[in-house]
Protein backbone atom coordinates (compact mmCIF):
# COMPACT_ATOMS: atom_id res chain seq x y z
CA MET A 1 -24.20 -11.26 13.61
CA SER A 2 -22.73 -7.99 12.34
CA TYR A 3 -18.86 -7.96 11.89
CA ASN A 4 -18.94 -5.41 14.38
CA ASP A 5 -20.25 -7.40 16.88
CA GLU A 6 -17.36 -10.16 16.43
CA ILE A 7 -14.41 -10.45 18.79
CA LEU A 8 -10.74 -11.20 17.53
CA GLN A 9 -10.62 -13.66 20.50
CA LYS A 10 -6.43 -14.10 19.75
CA ALA A 11 -4.06 -13.01 17.14
CA GLY A 12 -4.81 -15.56 13.73
CA THR A 13 -8.17 -16.68 14.40
CA VAL A 14 -10.06 -17.14 11.52
CA LEU A 15 -13.36 -17.88 10.68
CA THR A 16 -13.77 -20.70 7.78
CA GLU A 17 -17.04 -19.70 6.14
CA GLU A 18 -16.90 -22.29 3.47
CA ILE A 19 -14.84 -24.84 2.43
CA THR A 20 -16.91 -27.15 -0.33
CA ILE A 21 -16.40 -29.50 -3.02
CA SER A 22 -18.44 -29.60 -6.34
CA LEU A 23 -19.15 -32.84 -8.14
CA VAL A 24 -19.25 -33.78 -11.69
CA ASN A 25 -22.70 -34.38 -11.46
CA GLY A 26 -23.49 -31.11 -10.15
CA GLU A 27 -24.15 -32.00 -6.55
CA VAL A 28 -22.27 -29.72 -3.76
CA VAL A 29 -20.90 -31.22 -0.53
CA ASP A 30 -19.69 -29.12 2.32
CA LEU A 31 -16.00 -30.28 3.82
CA VAL A 32 -15.61 -28.03 6.75
CA ASN A 33 -15.81 -31.04 9.26
CA PHE A 34 -13.50 -32.87 7.29
CA VAL A 35 -10.62 -30.05 6.91
CA VAL A 36 -8.36 -30.46 8.84
CA GLU A 37 -5.54 -28.31 7.01
CA LEU A 38 -5.41 -26.28 4.38
CA ASN A 39 -2.49 -24.48 2.86
CA LEU A 40 -2.50 -21.91 0.00
CA TYR A 41 0.32 -20.45 -1.90
CA GLU A 42 0.67 -17.27 -3.61
CA ASP A 43 3.99 -15.84 -5.37
CA ILE A 44 4.53 -12.69 -7.89
CA PHE A 45 6.77 -14.80 -9.55
CA SER A 46 4.19 -17.63 -10.35
CA PRO A 47 1.23 -16.79 -12.57
CA CYS A 48 -1.44 -18.31 -10.34
CA LEU A 49 -2.90 -19.38 -6.85
CA THR A 50 -2.01 -23.21 -6.09
CA GLY A 51 -2.44 -25.30 -2.64
CA ASN A 52 -3.72 -28.26 -0.93
CA LEU A 53 -6.07 -29.49 1.65
CA THR A 54 -5.68 -32.47 3.67
CA ILE A 55 -9.17 -34.71 4.49
CA VAL A 56 -9.82 -37.13 7.55
CA ASP A 57 -12.37 -38.84 5.82
CA SER A 58 -14.53 -40.60 8.42
CA ALA A 59 -17.64 -40.85 5.62
CA ASN A 60 -15.67 -42.70 2.60
CA LEU A 61 -16.56 -39.30 0.52
CA ILE A 62 -13.80 -40.22 -1.45
CA SER A 63 -15.26 -43.53 -2.53
CA GLU A 64 -19.32 -42.93 -1.58
CA LEU A 65 -19.67 -39.61 -3.75
CA PRO A 66 -16.85 -40.55 -5.55
CA ILE A 67 -14.28 -38.10 -5.20
CA LEU A 68 -12.14 -38.33 -8.88
CA GLY A 69 -9.85 -35.65 -8.46
CA ILE A 70 -11.10 -33.33 -10.83
CA GLU A 71 -13.94 -31.73 -8.87
CA PHE A 72 -14.00 -27.89 -7.84
CA ILE A 73 -13.35 -26.63 -4.51
CA THR A 74 -14.34 -23.07 -3.08
CA ILE A 75 -13.10 -21.77 -0.19
CA LYS A 76 -13.68 -18.87 1.75
CA TYR A 77 -11.99 -17.27 4.80
CA ARG A 78 -12.23 -14.39 6.97
CA THR A 79 -10.74 -12.73 9.80
CA PRO A 80 -13.44 -12.29 12.76
CA THR A 81 -14.53 -8.32 12.90
CA PHE A 82 -13.12 -8.14 9.24
CA GLU A 83 -16.25 -6.48 7.09
CA ASN A 84 -17.40 -9.23 4.53
CA ILE A 85 -16.29 -7.43 1.60
CA PRO A 86 -13.78 -8.99 -1.14
CA GLN A 87 -10.74 -6.80 -0.24
CA ASN A 88 -11.21 -8.39 3.30
CA VAL A 89 -11.75 -12.42 2.39
CA ILE A 90 -9.87 -15.15 0.57
CA GLU A 91 -12.51 -16.11 -1.40
CA LYS A 92 -12.07 -18.45 -4.55
CA THR A 93 -13.40 -21.44 -6.60
CA PHE A 94 -10.39 -23.86 -7.51
CA GLN A 95 -9.80 -26.89 -9.50
CA LEU A 96 -8.80 -29.91 -7.86
CA TYR A 97 -6.27 -32.09 -9.88
CA SER A 98 -4.83 -34.63 -7.55
CA ILE A 99 -5.40 -36.84 -4.52
CA GLU A 100 -2.21 -38.32 -2.67
CA ASN A 101 -1.00 -39.31 0.44
CA ARG A 102 -3.96 -41.54 1.03
CA SER A 103 -3.80 -43.97 4.20
CA LEU A 104 -5.97 -45.73 6.64
CA ASN A 105 -6.29 -44.46 10.22
CA GLY A 106 -7.56 -47.34 12.36
CA ASP A 107 -10.30 -49.09 10.17
CA ARG A 108 -12.91 -46.10 10.02
CA GLU A 109 -10.93 -43.40 8.83
CA THR A 110 -9.17 -42.54 5.76
CA ILE A 111 -6.41 -39.53 5.61
CA TYR A 112 -5.56 -37.85 2.07
CA THR A 113 -4.27 -35.09 0.55
CA MET A 114 -5.79 -33.30 -2.54
CA ASN A 115 -4.24 -30.61 -4.34
CA PHE A 116 -5.47 -27.96 -6.12
CA ILE A 117 -5.13 -25.14 -8.59
CA SER A 118 -6.82 -21.51 -9.63
CA VAL A 119 -9.03 -22.78 -12.63
CA GLU A 120 -7.19 -20.46 -15.09
CA GLY A 121 -3.58 -22.40 -14.24
CA PHE A 122 -5.62 -25.60 -14.92
CA ILE A 123 -7.10 -24.25 -18.49
CA ASP A 124 -3.89 -23.12 -19.29
CA GLN A 125 -2.15 -26.66 -19.36
CA VAL A 126 -4.04 -27.39 -22.35
CA GLU A 127 -5.23 -24.20 -23.77
CA THR A 128 -2.67 -22.87 -26.83
CA LEU A 129 -2.37 -19.92 -29.28
CA VAL A 130 -1.81 -19.99 -32.91
CA ARG A 131 -2.32 -16.45 -34.06
CA SER A 132 -0.24 -13.08 -34.63
CA PHE A 133 -0.52 -10.25 -32.08
CA SER A 134 -0.01 -6.57 -32.58
CA GLY A 135 -0.33 -3.57 -30.58
CA THR A 136 0.75 -1.82 -27.52
CA THR A 137 1.47 -4.48 -24.71
CA ASP A 138 -1.20 -3.49 -22.30
CA GLU A 139 -3.51 -3.79 -25.14
CA ILE A 140 -2.61 -7.47 -25.92
CA VAL A 141 -2.27 -8.18 -22.77
CA SER A 142 -5.69 -7.21 -22.05
CA LYS A 143 -6.88 -9.20 -25.31
CA ILE A 144 -5.14 -12.49 -24.09
CA TYR A 145 -6.52 -12.42 -20.29
CA ASN A 146 -10.23 -11.51 -21.33
CA ASP A 147 -9.97 -13.97 -24.36
CA TYR A 148 -8.27 -17.12 -23.02
CA ILE A 149 -7.73 -16.64 -19.17
CA VAL A 150 -10.63 -14.88 -17.42
CA LYS A 151 -12.50 -17.08 -15.27
CA ASP A 152 -15.33 -17.01 -13.05
CA ARG A 153 -14.41 -16.23 -9.54
CA ARG A 154 -16.61 -18.85 -7.64
CA ILE A 155 -18.24 -21.57 -9.77
CA ASP A 156 -21.65 -20.89 -8.69
CA THR A 157 -21.33 -16.93 -9.77
CA PRO A 158 -20.97 -16.86 -13.69
CA ASP A 159 -21.57 -13.14 -13.34
CA LYS A 160 -18.58 -12.30 -11.09
CA LYS A 161 -15.02 -12.72 -12.83
CA THR A 162 -11.62 -12.40 -11.50
CA SER A 163 -10.00 -9.19 -12.34
CA LEU A 164 -6.89 -8.13 -13.99
CA VAL A 165 -5.07 -4.84 -13.08
CA ILE A 166 -1.94 -3.85 -15.36
CA PHE A 167 -0.14 -1.20 -14.38
CA ASP A 168 1.58 2.10 -15.34
CA ILE A 169 -0.76 2.14 -18.73
CA PRO A 170 -1.29 3.28 -21.54
CA HIS A 171 2.24 1.45 -22.30
CA THR A 172 4.30 2.81 -24.59
CA SER A 173 5.87 -0.01 -25.95
CA ARG A 174 4.42 -1.86 -28.80
CA LEU A 175 4.87 -5.57 -30.01
CA ARG A 176 4.38 -7.60 -33.25
CA TYR A 177 4.84 -10.98 -32.96
CA ILE A 178 3.04 -14.69 -33.52
CA SER A 179 2.41 -16.86 -30.48
CA ASN A 180 3.44 -20.52 -31.89
CA TYR A 181 1.21 -22.80 -29.67
CA TRP A 182 1.90 -21.29 -26.98
CA SER A 183 -0.44 -20.89 -23.87
CA PRO A 184 -1.73 -17.87 -22.73
CA PHE A 185 0.61 -17.65 -19.48
CA LYS A 186 3.19 -18.17 -21.72
CA ASN A 187 2.32 -15.59 -24.22
CA LEU A 188 2.30 -12.92 -20.69
CA SER A 189 5.77 -14.05 -19.79
CA PHE A 190 7.35 -13.20 -23.13
CA ILE A 191 5.38 -10.05 -23.25
CA GLY A 192 6.57 -8.99 -19.62
CA LYS A 193 10.21 -9.22 -20.64
CA ARG A 194 9.60 -6.37 -23.53
CA VAL A 195 7.03 -3.89 -21.71
CA LYS A 196 7.87 -0.37 -21.14
CA GLY A 197 5.39 1.59 -19.13
CA ASN A 198 4.25 5.04 -19.13
CA THR A 199 6.20 6.61 -16.99
CA LEU A 200 8.68 3.81 -15.35
CA ASN A 201 12.12 2.67 -16.47
CA SER A 202 12.70 -0.78 -15.34
CA SER A 203 11.06 -3.76 -17.25
CA ASP A 204 10.70 -6.21 -14.39
CA TYR A 205 6.76 -7.03 -15.22
CA PHE A 206 5.22 -10.33 -13.72
CA PHE A 207 1.92 -11.76 -14.57
CA TYR A 208 0.53 -13.10 -11.12
CA GLU A 209 -2.18 -14.22 -9.21
CA SER A 210 -3.01 -12.81 -5.39
CA ASN A 211 -5.67 -14.25 -3.55
CA LYS A 212 -7.53 -11.11 -4.75
CA GLY A 213 -7.14 -10.81 -8.73
CA PHE A 214 -4.71 -11.27 -10.94
CA TYR A 215 -2.06 -8.36 -11.67
CA PHE A 216 0.25 -8.10 -14.48
CA THR A 217 2.81 -5.11 -13.09
CA SER A 218 6.35 -4.50 -12.56
CA ILE A 219 7.86 -4.93 -9.19
CA GLU A 220 8.89 -1.06 -9.49
CA GLY A 221 5.19 -0.50 -10.13
CA LEU A 222 3.88 -2.15 -6.74
CA ILE A 223 6.41 -0.13 -5.39
CA THR A 224 5.69 3.46 -6.82
CA GLN A 225 2.07 3.17 -6.14
CA GLN A 226 2.48 1.96 -2.52
CA LEU A 227 4.73 4.50 -1.88
CA ALA A 228 2.53 7.27 -2.76
CA THR A 229 -0.66 5.99 -1.56
CA GLY A 230 -0.16 3.94 1.53
CA HIS A 231 1.96 0.92 2.95
CA PHE A 232 -0.34 -2.20 3.85
CA GLU A 233 0.98 -2.53 7.63
CA GLU A 234 3.80 -1.93 10.17
CA TYR A 235 5.55 -5.13 11.50
CA VAL A 236 7.22 -5.21 14.70
CA ILE A 237 10.32 -6.71 16.73
CA GLU A 238 9.60 -6.98 20.34
CA VAL A 239 11.36 -8.75 23.00
CA GLN A 240 8.22 -7.71 25.52
CA LYS A 241 5.02 -8.12 23.99
CA ASN A 242 3.36 -4.49 23.18
CA THR A 243 6.00 -2.82 23.98
CA THR A 244 6.62 -0.44 20.72
CA PRO A 245 3.82 1.83 19.49
CA ARG A 246 2.24 1.09 16.54
CA ARG A 247 1.81 3.38 13.07
CA THR A 248 3.22 6.21 14.74
CA SER A 249 5.90 7.18 11.55
CA GLY A 250 3.41 9.19 9.90
CA ILE A 251 3.05 6.58 7.01
CA LEU A 252 -0.28 5.78 5.62
CA TYR A 253 -1.08 2.38 6.06
CA LYS A 254 -4.11 0.85 4.04
CA GLY A 255 -4.78 -2.51 6.19
CA VAL A 256 -7.46 -3.26 8.83
CA ASN A 257 -6.41 -1.78 11.88
CA VAL A 258 -5.68 -4.61 13.97
CA PRO A 259 -4.82 -5.58 17.95
CA PRO A 260 -0.90 -4.41 18.42
CA ASP A 261 -0.04 -8.64 18.90
CA MET A 262 -1.68 -9.10 15.00
CA THR A 263 1.57 -6.93 13.90
CA ARG A 264 4.23 -8.53 16.04
CA LEU A 265 6.41 -10.57 14.10
CA LYS A 266 6.74 -14.12 15.36
CA ASN A 267 10.17 -15.35 13.76
CA ILE A 268 12.25 -13.56 11.19
CA LYS A 269 15.40 -15.46 8.94
CA MET A 270 17.37 -13.37 7.19
CA PRO A 271 19.32 -16.13 4.98
CA LYS A 272 21.65 -13.06 3.76
CA THR A 273 22.24 -9.62 3.41
CA VAL A 274 25.11 -8.99 1.02
CA ASP A 275 26.69 -11.20 -1.68
CA ALA A 276 29.37 -8.72 -3.55
CA ILE A 277 30.18 -11.89 -5.87
CA GLU A 278 26.62 -12.89 -6.42
CA GLY A 279 26.00 -9.36 -7.38
CA THR A 280 28.63 -9.27 -9.90
CA MET A 281 28.02 -12.58 -11.59
CA SER A 282 24.18 -12.21 -12.00
CA GLY A 283 24.60 -8.85 -13.83
CA TYR A 284 23.08 -7.08 -10.98
CA HIS A 285 25.82 -4.44 -10.58
CA SER A 286 26.51 -4.25 -14.61
CA ASN A 287 25.88 -6.19 -17.59
CA SER A 288 26.72 -5.89 -20.81
CA ILE A 289 24.68 -7.21 -24.37
CA ARG A 290 26.42 -7.90 -27.58
CA GLY A 291 23.99 -8.09 -30.30
CA TYR A 292 23.62 -9.15 -34.11
CA ASP A 293 21.27 -7.90 -36.69
CA LEU A 294 20.30 -10.70 -39.17
CA THR A 295 19.62 -8.34 -41.58
CA THR A 296 23.03 -6.56 -41.68
CA LYS A 297 24.93 -8.69 -40.18
CA LYS A 298 26.25 -6.31 -38.20
CA MET A 299 27.48 -6.48 -34.39
CA THR A 300 26.60 -3.94 -31.61
CA GLU A 301 27.23 -4.01 -28.01
CA SER A 302 25.73 -2.21 -25.24
CA THR A 303 26.53 -1.78 -21.34
CA PHE A 304 24.73 -0.74 -18.28
CA ASP A 305 25.96 0.37 -14.75
CA PHE A 306 23.17 0.20 -12.27
CA ARG A 307 25.09 2.01 -9.39
CA LYS A 308 25.44 5.05 -11.68
CA GLN A 309 21.81 4.75 -13.05
CA ASN A 310 20.14 3.68 -9.37
CA ALA A 311 18.74 7.37 -8.77
CA ALA A 312 16.67 6.46 -11.78
CA PHE A 313 14.35 3.65 -10.73
CA VAL A 314 12.06 3.55 -7.32
CA LYS A 315 13.25 1.53 -4.90
CA THR A 316 11.64 0.55 -1.42
CA ASP A 317 14.08 3.03 0.23
CA THR A 318 16.70 5.37 -1.61
CA GLY A 319 19.84 4.17 0.30
CA ILE A 320 21.98 1.94 -2.34
CA ALA A 321 21.96 -1.56 -1.18
CA PHE A 322 25.01 -3.08 -2.48
CA PRO A 323 28.65 -1.68 -1.33
CA ASN A 324 30.67 -0.11 -3.79
CA VAL A 325 32.57 -2.57 -5.21
CA PRO A 326 34.96 -3.10 -8.47
CA SER A 327 32.42 -3.95 -10.78
CA ASN A 328 33.06 -4.73 -14.82
CA PRO A 329 30.13 -5.34 -17.30
CA TYR A 330 31.47 -7.86 -19.31
CA ALA A 331 31.40 -10.40 -16.18
CA TYR A 332 27.59 -10.84 -17.14
CA SER A 333 27.03 -10.24 -20.99
CA GLN A 334 23.97 -11.75 -22.85
CA PHE A 335 23.75 -11.87 -26.71
CA VAL A 336 21.14 -10.96 -28.53
CA THR A 337 19.59 -11.19 -32.20
CA TYR A 338 17.78 -8.48 -33.52
CA ASN A 339 15.39 -8.40 -36.66
CA THR A 340 14.27 -12.16 -36.39
CA SER A 341 11.07 -13.74 -37.11
CA LEU A 342 10.02 -12.62 -33.74
CA TYR A 343 11.45 -8.94 -33.65
CA ASN A 344 10.60 -7.81 -37.27
CA ASP A 345 9.55 -4.35 -36.05
CA TYR A 346 12.86 -3.14 -34.18
CA GLY A 347 14.59 -1.58 -36.77
CA VAL A 348 17.72 -2.17 -38.72
CA THR A 349 21.03 -2.31 -36.51
CA ASP A 350 23.34 -0.97 -39.63
CA HIS A 351 25.58 0.07 -37.31
CA LEU A 352 29.09 -0.84 -35.70
CA GLY A 353 29.71 -0.43 -32.02
CA ASP A 354 27.27 1.31 -29.70
CA LEU A 355 23.44 2.00 -30.73
CA PRO A 356 22.41 5.19 -31.95
CA ALA A 357 20.60 7.23 -28.91
CA GLY A 358 16.79 6.67 -29.72
CA HIS A 359 17.15 3.79 -32.19
CA PRO A 360 14.85 0.87 -32.20
CA ALA A 361 17.22 -1.71 -31.08
CA GLN A 362 18.03 0.16 -28.55
CA TYR A 363 14.75 -0.02 -26.51
CA VAL A 364 15.64 -4.00 -26.84
CA THR A 365 18.88 -3.88 -25.08
CA ASP A 366 17.13 -1.18 -22.53
CA ARG A 367 14.68 -3.79 -21.66
CA ILE A 368 17.21 -6.71 -20.88
CA HIS A 369 19.44 -4.68 -19.30
CA TYR A 370 17.44 -3.18 -16.63
CA ARG A 371 15.27 -6.22 -15.96
CA THR A 372 18.80 -8.33 -15.34
CA SER A 373 19.66 -5.29 -12.67
CA TYR A 374 16.46 -4.63 -11.05
CA ILE A 375 14.97 -8.08 -10.37
CA ASN A 376 18.33 -9.11 -9.10
CA SER A 377 18.63 -6.11 -6.95
CA PHE A 378 16.14 -8.15 -4.52
CA ASN A 379 18.58 -10.76 -3.84
CA ASN A 380 20.58 -9.56 -1.32
CA PHE A 381 17.82 -8.19 1.09
CA LYS A 382 15.33 -11.17 1.24
CA PHE A 383 14.14 -12.48 4.40
CA GLU A 384 11.21 -15.05 5.77
CA ILE A 385 9.21 -13.85 8.25
CA GLU A 386 6.45 -15.72 10.15
CA ILE A 387 3.30 -13.30 11.14
CA HIS A 388 -0.35 -13.87 12.43
CA GLY A 389 -2.91 -14.60 9.72
CA ARG A 390 -5.40 -12.11 8.25
CA THR A 391 -7.26 -12.47 5.28
CA ASP A 392 -7.04 -8.49 3.92
CA ILE A 393 -3.10 -9.61 2.87
CA GLU A 394 -1.92 -10.23 -0.39
CA VAL A 395 1.11 -11.09 -2.33
CA GLY A 396 2.74 -7.67 -4.01
CA MET A 397 1.80 -5.50 -0.57
CA LEU A 398 4.39 -2.90 0.68
CA ILE A 399 4.67 -3.24 5.05
CA GLN A 400 6.96 -1.46 7.31
CA ILE A 401 9.48 -3.81 9.54
CA LEU A 402 10.83 -2.11 12.59
CA TYR A 403 13.66 -4.10 13.19
CA PRO A 404 15.72 -2.89 16.68
CA SER A 405 19.04 -1.89 16.88
CA ALA A 406 21.39 -4.64 18.07
CA ARG A 407 23.20 -2.74 20.53
CA THR A 408 23.78 -1.53 24.19
CA LYS A 409 21.08 0.77 24.83
CA LEU A 410 21.47 4.73 25.14
CA GLU A 411 20.17 6.84 27.65
CA ASN A 412 17.58 9.07 26.25
CA GLU A 413 16.85 6.92 23.53
CA ASN A 414 13.86 8.36 21.57
CA THR A 415 14.41 8.63 18.14
CA PRO A 416 13.82 5.99 15.63
CA GLU A 417 17.39 6.62 14.44
CA GLN A 418 18.67 5.60 17.93
CA ALA A 419 16.37 2.37 18.56
CA TYR A 420 16.06 1.13 14.90
CA ASP A 421 18.56 -0.66 12.33
CA GLN A 422 18.65 1.72 9.90
CA LEU A 423 19.74 -1.17 7.25
CA LEU A 424 16.95 -3.62 8.16
CA SER A 425 14.39 -1.56 8.97
CA GLY A 426 12.20 0.19 6.22
CA SER A 427 9.98 -0.71 3.68
CA TYR A 428 9.70 -4.63 2.20
CA LEU A 429 7.29 -6.17 -0.58
CA ILE A 430 5.76 -9.13 -0.10
CA THR A 431 7.10 -11.32 -2.78
CA ALA A 432 5.33 -14.81 -1.56
CA ILE A 433 2.91 -15.93 0.96
CA HIS A 434 2.34 -19.00 2.45
CA HIS A 435 -1.41 -19.19 4.46
CA THR A 436 -1.54 -22.09 6.21
CA PHE A 437 -5.83 -22.53 8.02
CA LYS A 438 -5.97 -24.84 10.92
CA PHE A 439 -8.37 -25.79 13.38
CA GLY A 440 -9.59 -22.12 13.28
CA GLU A 441 -6.15 -20.65 13.20
CA HIS A 442 -4.36 -18.92 10.16
CA SER A 443 -0.46 -18.56 10.28
CA ILE A 444 1.59 -17.13 7.71
CA LEU A 445 5.11 -17.78 6.16
CA ALA A 446 5.82 -15.07 3.71
CA GLU A 447 9.29 -13.80 1.64
CA VAL A 448 10.09 -10.17 1.62
CA VAL A 449 12.43 -7.88 0.09
CA LYS A 450 13.96 -4.89 0.04
CA ASN A 451 16.52 -3.05 -2.44
CA GLY A 452 16.86 -0.06 -0.95
CA LEU A 453 17.86 1.03 2.32
CA ASN A 454 17.44 4.21 4.54
CA LYS A 455 21.10 4.99 4.23
CA SER A 456 23.49 3.73 1.18
CA LEU A 457 26.01 1.05 1.76
CA GLY A 458 29.32 3.59 1.14
CA GLU A 459 29.40 5.74 -1.37
CA ASN A 460 32.96 6.46 -2.27
CA SER A 461 33.99 5.56 -5.72
CA GLU A 462 37.54 6.20 -5.49
CA TRP A 463 38.35 3.22 -3.51
CA THR A 464 37.07 0.79 -6.07
CA ASP A 465 39.03 2.80 -8.56
CA GLN A 466 42.24 2.33 -6.68
CA ILE A 467 41.32 -1.83 -6.52
CA LEU A 468 40.88 -1.88 -10.22
CA ASN A 469 44.08 -0.05 -11.14
CA SER A 470 46.40 -1.47 -8.34
CA GLY A 471 49.05 -3.77 -9.45
């Protein structure tokens, strides 16, 4: 049957096209009829995918095959009506690494959970690199990935590898360092804190895996690209089903166009929206760095105010997402050493006080300033949403959420400014996804964040000056 002839019977329906286990002797066994639930986790702050599946075993597979806990699990899921192409399916071979919660269900059935991880993540546990690296950061990342990380996408298709996407290349940052028995993932984490891309300011690079592939990218880069090329989807909160028109804002959307019920938020939780004290204590609002040069024995100092520099960074929306509160960069201060064995090409900081403009050591402090503020900028507006599952979605995507204005409805309420909450509506980045596949249904619990609003939370700096200078 062609995907064009398929019917999406209800929101969240999914086709389980494959769940197989590849045994150590090479035999492949179909598990579709034994799996009652499969969970898959992806997170931009985690380098690889993880998951688990629950088996109801009425054939004693665990003992007869046997299943040892080191086999390969291959899965493939597809939303009905979606074309069978890589960007529309969830398909990959994983490494099984443990079996737990085994129990008898009567005297003829065994229930147990099998935990799995990406093959790349499994190998990373035992791979250590003892060598030096030198070059631009994108060159080093590409080399480490191709030489030590990349594996077959499926165990039965060795000609197809999982891809790596590196953002904002060619990078302007260069590194020379020694990997001292670090795993490949640890090397990429080390590099990510020191990257400066080709066009963007922030130093918020992460190496992570979505259900489509691997990424080495900054959060700012993810937002920048999708603001320019299009959001994934628009999700709405509705009291009455399908009463809000979809995709009418003029924004380009790249996800498969689905029925309205698929884009209706099932639930949204908002633990907090603004925490001024946490913003100060985490270094989000402002932060300082005190440096010490091991060669010249000189001290340096650098401060950074994110609010004053806010316009230099790309955000989910342009409005400032924190109130104009009193700020002191010394409330969050970090200590950095220059010209150690790991940082041997940053220049001698033979200077007291602030670093001269363009000094190599200033680059180091900028990376720390920017990373501290920009990453913490997502801590305020961080929500959890529950949506109907679809297999073309992946972590790192930008979505629109239309959140209704919680007030008495006005007459002739026809504009978005009147109908929707201007702080909570807008662009959100998906930072984590928990997929649940169960009895032919696919549900998603996702973490979404934003660090920019449709309008700023206060503009008057005189008010904070009065507080700081009062008394």
